[in-house]
């Protein structure tokens, strides 16, 4: 989600499972004016940078540690 003020992008929310991360528009990596969004492999999470992250504990696995995505 991108938040605008007076038609100008101000902030971006990257949704990740039960939470997410917010960044100022200026702080994000872009191609021109278009911000990048990286999708987790096999998940619906979206991240601001490429790379590997440990997914959060999941209620579907009884609270077991997440997997590397």
C-alpha atoms as a PDB file:
ATOM      1  CA  UNK A   1       0.000   0.000   0.000  1.00  0.00           C
ATOM      2  CA  UNK A   2       1.299   3.454  -0.845  1.00  0.00           C
ATOM      3  CA  UNK A   3       0.152   6.508   1.090  1.00  0.00           C
ATOM      4  CA  UNK A   4      -0.146   9.757  -0.870  1.00  0.00           C
ATOM      5  CA  UNK A   5      -0.371  13.384   0.257  1.00  0.00           C
ATOM      6  CA  UNK A   6      -1.352  16.004  -2.312  1.00  0.00           C
ATOM      7  CA  UNK A   7      -0.764  13.447  -5.078  1.00  0.00           C
ATOM      8  CA  UNK A   8       2.812  12.661  -3.975  1.00  0.00           C
ATOM      9  CA  UNK A   9       3.831   9.275  -2.493  1.00  0.00           C
ATOM     10  CA  UNK A  10       4.820   9.565   1.176  1.00  0.00           C
ATOM     11  CA  UNK A  11       4.996   6.062   2.693  1.00  0.00           C
ATOM     12  CA  UNK A  12       4.810   2.390   1.733  1.00  0.00           C
ATOM     13  CA  UNK A  13       3.468  -0.588   3.715  1.00  0.00           C
ATOM     14  CA  UNK A  14       4.839  -4.063   2.912  1.00  0.00           C
ATOM     15  CA  UNK A  15       2.412  -6.690   4.234  1.00  0.00           C
ATOM     16  CA  UNK A  16       4.006  -9.769   5.828  1.00  0.00           C
ATOM     17  CA  UNK A  17       1.838 -12.520   7.280  1.00  0.00           C
ATOM     18  CA  UNK A  18       0.292 -11.216  10.543  1.00  0.00           C
ATOM     19  CA  UNK A  19       2.117  -7.868  10.401  1.00  0.00           C
ATOM     20  CA  UNK A  20       4.362  -5.920   8.044  1.00  0.00           C
ATOM     21  CA  UNK A  21       6.770  -3.023   7.714  1.00  0.00           C
ATOM     22  CA  UNK A  22       6.334   0.659   6.909  1.00  0.00           C
ATOM     23  CA  UNK A  23       8.919   2.811   5.138  1.00  0.00           C
ATOM     24  CA  UNK A  24       9.042   6.340   3.859  1.00  0.00           C
ATOM     25  CA  UNK A  25       8.753   6.445   0.084  1.00  0.00           C
ATOM     26  CA  UNK A  26      12.223   8.002  -0.157  1.00  0.00           C
ATOM     27  CA  UNK A  27      13.803   5.107   1.794  1.00  0.00           C
ATOM     28  CA  UNK A  28      12.678   2.398  -0.629  1.00  0.00           C
ATOM     29  CA  UNK A  29      14.526   0.960  -3.614  1.00  0.00           C
ATOM     30  CA  UNK A  30      12.929   2.102  -6.874  1.00  0.00           C
ATOM     31  CA  UNK A  31      13.099   1.769 -10.639  1.00  0.00           C
ATOM     32  CA  UNK A  32      12.477   5.375 -11.583  1.00  0.00           C
ATOM     33  CA  UNK A  33       9.505   6.342  -9.420  1.00  0.00           C
ATOM     34  CA  UNK A  34       8.206   2.778  -9.040  1.00  0.00           C
ATOM     35  CA  UNK A  35       9.128   1.070  -5.749  1.00  0.00           C
ATOM     36  CA  UNK A  36      10.306  -2.529  -5.788  1.00  0.00           C
ATOM     37  CA  UNK A  37       8.354  -5.165  -3.855  1.00  0.00           C
ATOM     38  CA  UNK A  38       9.844  -8.631  -3.334  1.00  0.00           C
ATOM     39  CA  UNK A  39       7.543 -11.595  -2.823  1.00  0.00           C
ATOM     40  CA  UNK A  40       8.558 -14.363  -0.420  1.00  0.00           C
ATOM     41  CA  UNK A  41       9.054 -17.734  -2.131  1.00  0.00           C
ATOM     42  CA  UNK A  42       5.932 -19.828  -1.523  1.00  0.00           C
ATOM     43  CA  UNK A  43       4.271 -17.152   0.615  1.00  0.00           C
ATOM     44  CA  UNK A  44       2.098 -14.102   0.244  1.00  0.00           C
ATOM     45  CA  UNK A  45       4.523 -11.859   2.169  1.00  0.00           C
ATOM     46  CA  UNK A  46       6.001  -8.798   0.470  1.00  0.00           C
ATOM     47  CA  UNK A  47       9.399  -7.352   1.431  1.00  0.00           C
ATOM     48  CA  UNK A  48      11.254  -4.128   0.685  1.00  0.00           C
ATOM     49  CA  UNK A  49      14.568  -5.839  -0.084  1.00  0.00           C
ATOM     50  CA  UNK A  50      15.655  -9.061  -1.765  1.00  0.00           C
ATOM     51  CA  UNK A  51      17.211 -11.849   0.270  1.00  0.00           C
ATOM     52  CA  UNK A  52      16.373 -14.594   2.723  1.00  0.00           C
ATOM     53  CA  UNK A  53      14.302 -14.055   5.851  1.00  0.00           C
ATOM     54  CA  UNK A  54      12.991 -16.381   8.528  1.00  0.00           C
ATOM     55  CA  UNK A  55       9.209 -16.474   8.408  1.00  0.00           C
ATOM     56  CA  UNK A  56       7.375 -15.947  11.720  1.00  0.00           C
ATOM     57  CA  UNK A  57       6.042 -18.750  13.897  1.00  0.00           C
ATOM     58  CA  UNK A  58       2.848 -20.056  12.415  1.00  0.00           C
ATOM     59  CA  UNK A  59      -0.398 -21.121  14.080  1.00  0.00           C
ATOM     60  CA  UNK A  60      -0.743 -23.707  11.310  1.00  0.00           C
ATOM     61  CA  UNK A  61       2.401 -25.455  12.609  1.00  0.00           C
ATOM     62  CA  UNK A  62       1.420 -25.239  16.268  1.00  0.00           C
ATOM     63  CA  UNK A  63       3.712 -22.273  16.877  1.00  0.00           C
ATOM     64  CA  UNK A  64       6.774 -24.033  15.507  1.00  0.00           C
ATOM     65  CA  UNK A  65       9.551 -21.801  14.192  1.00  0.00           C
ATOM     66  CA  UNK A  66       9.045 -20.542  10.684  1.00  0.00           C
ATOM     67  CA  UNK A  67      10.974 -21.559   7.612  1.00  0.00           C
ATOM     68  CA  UNK A  68      13.632 -19.761   5.633  1.00  0.00           C
ATOM     69  CA  UNK A  69      12.027 -18.039   2.652  1.00  0.00           C
END
